[in-house]
Amino acid sequence: MCRNIRPLFNFEPPATDDEIHAAALQYVRKVSGTRKPSGANLDPFERAVLAIAKATRKLVDSLETSAPAKNRELEAQKARARSAHRYAPVAKPSPRSPRAPSPHPAASKRRSAAVARGA
């Protein structure tokens, strides 16, 4: 549910109000456990989103770093590459070889007993 919350600090150009609002919305959704609040909870939900967005803007604007600002497009390319690697198709495993006998005598007895029962 929180996959859309992205780092907002130290980018060129700086984070937009829309990006900060989207991150605040995702946070409130996660904390509240709901994607769309009921009518009774709509007002507190929206107030929370606005409060989190305001706090996030204040935080992002007040942070300092000596690191160079990140390039949004380059970071997006890196994220796509990580995603492609993470969700790449996996080769099918080879058929399993027959189970080798265990050197432990108790294991052999249990297996023999299971075979005898037809399990």
Protein backbone atom coordinates (compact mmCIF):
# COMPACT_ATOMS: atom_id res chain seq x y z
CA MET A 1 0.00 0.00 0.00
CA CYS A 2 2.90 2.39 0.65
CA ARG A 3 4.84 1.69 -2.52
CA ASN A 4 4.01 5.19 -3.77
CA ILE A 5 5.83 6.98 -0.97
CA ARG A 6 9.10 8.10 -2.49
CA PRO A 7 12.02 10.02 -1.07
CA LEU A 8 11.26 13.70 -1.54
CA PHE A 9 14.41 15.35 -0.28
CA ASN A 10 17.45 16.45 -2.29
CA PHE A 11 16.02 16.33 -5.80
CA GLU A 12 16.38 18.81 -8.59
CA PRO A 13 13.84 20.26 -9.14
CA PRO A 14 12.55 20.12 -5.54
CA ALA A 15 9.50 18.07 -4.57
CA THR A 16 6.22 19.55 -5.76
CA ASP A 17 3.16 20.08 -3.58
CA ASP A 18 1.43 17.31 -5.55
CA GLU A 19 4.21 14.83 -4.73
CA ILE A 20 4.09 15.78 -1.06
CA HIS A 21 0.29 15.46 -0.99
CA ALA A 22 0.49 12.02 -2.67
CA ALA A 23 3.01 10.84 -0.06
CA ALA A 24 0.84 12.19 2.77
CA LEU A 25 -2.22 10.46 1.31
CA GLN A 26 -0.39 7.12 1.10
CA TYR A 27 0.83 7.50 4.67
CA VAL A 28 -2.66 8.24 6.02
CA ARG A 29 -4.09 5.34 4.02
CA LYS A 30 -1.51 2.99 5.51
CA VAL A 31 -1.96 4.19 9.08
CA SER A 32 -5.77 4.20 8.90
CA GLY A 33 -5.91 0.86 7.11
CA THR A 34 -8.31 2.12 4.49
CA ARG A 35 -8.00 3.34 0.96
CA LYS A 36 -11.28 5.24 0.97
CA PRO A 37 -12.73 6.34 4.31
CA SER A 38 -16.42 6.14 5.13
CA GLY A 39 -18.49 9.32 5.17
CA ALA A 40 -18.12 9.66 8.95
CA ASN A 41 -14.33 9.41 8.70
CA LEU A 42 -13.87 11.52 5.57
CA ASP A 43 -13.27 14.84 7.35
CA PRO A 44 -10.69 13.50 9.87
CA PHE A 45 -9.00 11.59 7.03
CA GLU A 46 -8.66 14.73 4.86
CA ARG A 47 -7.49 16.83 7.82
CA ALA A 48 -4.82 14.23 8.55
CA VAL A 49 -3.64 14.27 4.93
CA LEU A 50 -3.35 18.08 5.01
CA ALA A 51 -1.53 18.04 8.36
CA ILE A 52 0.94 15.38 7.18
CA ALA A 53 1.51 17.25 3.90
CA LYS A 54 2.19 20.49 5.80
CA ALA A 55 4.63 18.75 8.16
CA THR A 56 6.33 17.01 5.23
CA ARG A 57 6.77 20.27 3.30
CA LYS A 58 8.24 21.91 6.42
CA LEU A 59 10.61 18.98 6.91
CA VAL A 60 11.76 18.77 3.29
CA ASP A 61 12.31 22.54 3.12
CA SER A 62 14.33 22.60 6.35
CA LEU A 63 16.66 19.64 5.67
CA GLU A 64 20.21 20.38 4.57
CA THR A 65 22.82 18.23 2.87
CA SER A 66 26.21 18.58 1.26
CA ALA A 67 25.40 15.83 -1.25
CA PRO A 68 24.61 16.89 -4.80
CA ALA A 69 20.94 16.93 -5.73
CA LYS A 70 19.65 13.75 -7.34
CA ASN A 71 18.38 13.66 -10.90
CA ARG A 72 14.76 12.49 -10.99
CA GLU A 73 15.02 10.74 -14.36
CA LEU A 74 18.21 8.90 -13.40
CA GLU A 75 16.64 7.75 -10.11
CA ALA A 76 13.53 6.58 -12.00
CA GLN A 77 15.71 4.56 -14.39
CA LYS A 78 17.50 2.94 -11.45
CA ALA A 79 14.14 2.05 -9.86
CA ARG A 80 12.89 0.50 -13.12
CA ALA A 81 16.09 -1.57 -13.38
CA ARG A 82 15.69 -2.80 -9.78
CA SER A 83 12.07 -3.67 -10.48
CA ALA A 84 12.94 -5.56 -13.68
CA HIS A 85 15.57 -7.55 -11.79
CA ARG A 86 13.23 -8.22 -8.83
CA TYR A 87 10.36 -9.43 -11.00
CA ALA A 88 12.38 -11.19 -13.70
CA PRO A 89 11.08 -14.64 -14.64
CA VAL A 90 12.79 -17.44 -12.76
CA ALA A 91 14.08 -20.48 -14.61
CA LYS A 92 12.18 -23.68 -13.82
CA PRO A 93 14.07 -25.95 -11.45
CA SER A 94 15.29 -29.27 -12.75
CA PRO A 95 13.32 -32.35 -11.70
CA ARG A 96 14.25 -33.46 -8.22
CA SER A 97 16.47 -36.46 -7.91
CA PRO A 98 15.32 -39.33 -5.70
CA ARG A 99 15.89 -38.69 -2.06
CA ALA A 100 19.20 -40.04 -0.82
CA PRO A 101 19.04 -42.20 2.27
CA SER A 102 19.71 -40.35 5.49
CA PRO A 103 22.82 -41.32 7.42
CA HIS A 104 20.77 -40.96 10.60
CA PRO A 105 19.25 -44.34 11.59
CA ALA A 106 16.09 -42.85 13.15
CA ALA A 107 15.25 -41.03 9.94
CA SER A 108 15.59 -44.27 7.97
CA LYS A 109 13.26 -46.07 10.39
CA ARG A 110 10.63 -43.30 10.16
CA ARG A 111 10.78 -43.35 6.36
CA SER A 112 10.53 -47.16 6.28
CA ALA A 113 7.54 -47.04 8.64
CA ALA A 114 5.82 -44.42 6.48
CA VAL A 115 6.35 -46.53 3.35
CA ALA A 116 4.97 -49.58 5.12
CA ARG A 117 1.81 -47.66 6.16
CA GLY A 118 1.37 -46.51 2.58
CA ALA A 119 1.77 -42.83 3.47
